[in-house]
Amino acid sequence: MKPLSENEIRGSFVNCSKGEARRISLPRDLDGLPWADLDFLGWRDPGAPERGYLVTEREGVWTGITLRGPSSGQKSVFKSSICSICVTPHTASGVDLMSAPKVGPAGRQGNAVGIYMCADLACPLYVRGKRKTLLGRRLEESLTVAEQIARARANLDRFLDKLYEPPAKAT
């Protein structure tokens, strides 16, 4: 992923207003991020930990989405969960159900889509072995790292596609 400027990040958001995008707390050290190891930029708001943000390239355009996670609560350290994006196993505290308002009128009406993903939104770093979970390691797979990256990208794309789907019509 190429390094993004503050303006590129703020201008990329598709499921919030421009005013909300201007108020988003960005990662502190944009220049110090491991851009070469990122397929998407994901972060949690340190001032409001239930808020998360994700920016990725989609069809040649930078696309940012706002996410909402659970409010803090105790989770069992004896249970484990798997991220639906990067397929990394974590203790229960390492995976959160993140919801994103849909794009357009459906999102303004309160429609959202959810996915279980790494609570710290660092999927690209887990796939590449640059970050370890509390469990210590990822599952052994027959896929190469490049294939795992492609799978994570496809999983993210499927989630993003759902943000653009019109709501189902009642029959």
Foldseek 3Di string as FASTA:
>chain_A
DDQDDLVLQLVQEQLDDSVVSVPDDDDDCSVPDPVVLDQKDKAARPVQRQKIKIWHQDPNGIHMFIKGWDHDDDDDQVDWDAFQQLRFIARPVQKTWIKTQAGDPSSVVPDIDIGIHGSGPPSSCLLVVNDAHPVGHGDDDPDDSVVSNVRSVVSVVVRNVVSHDDDDDDD
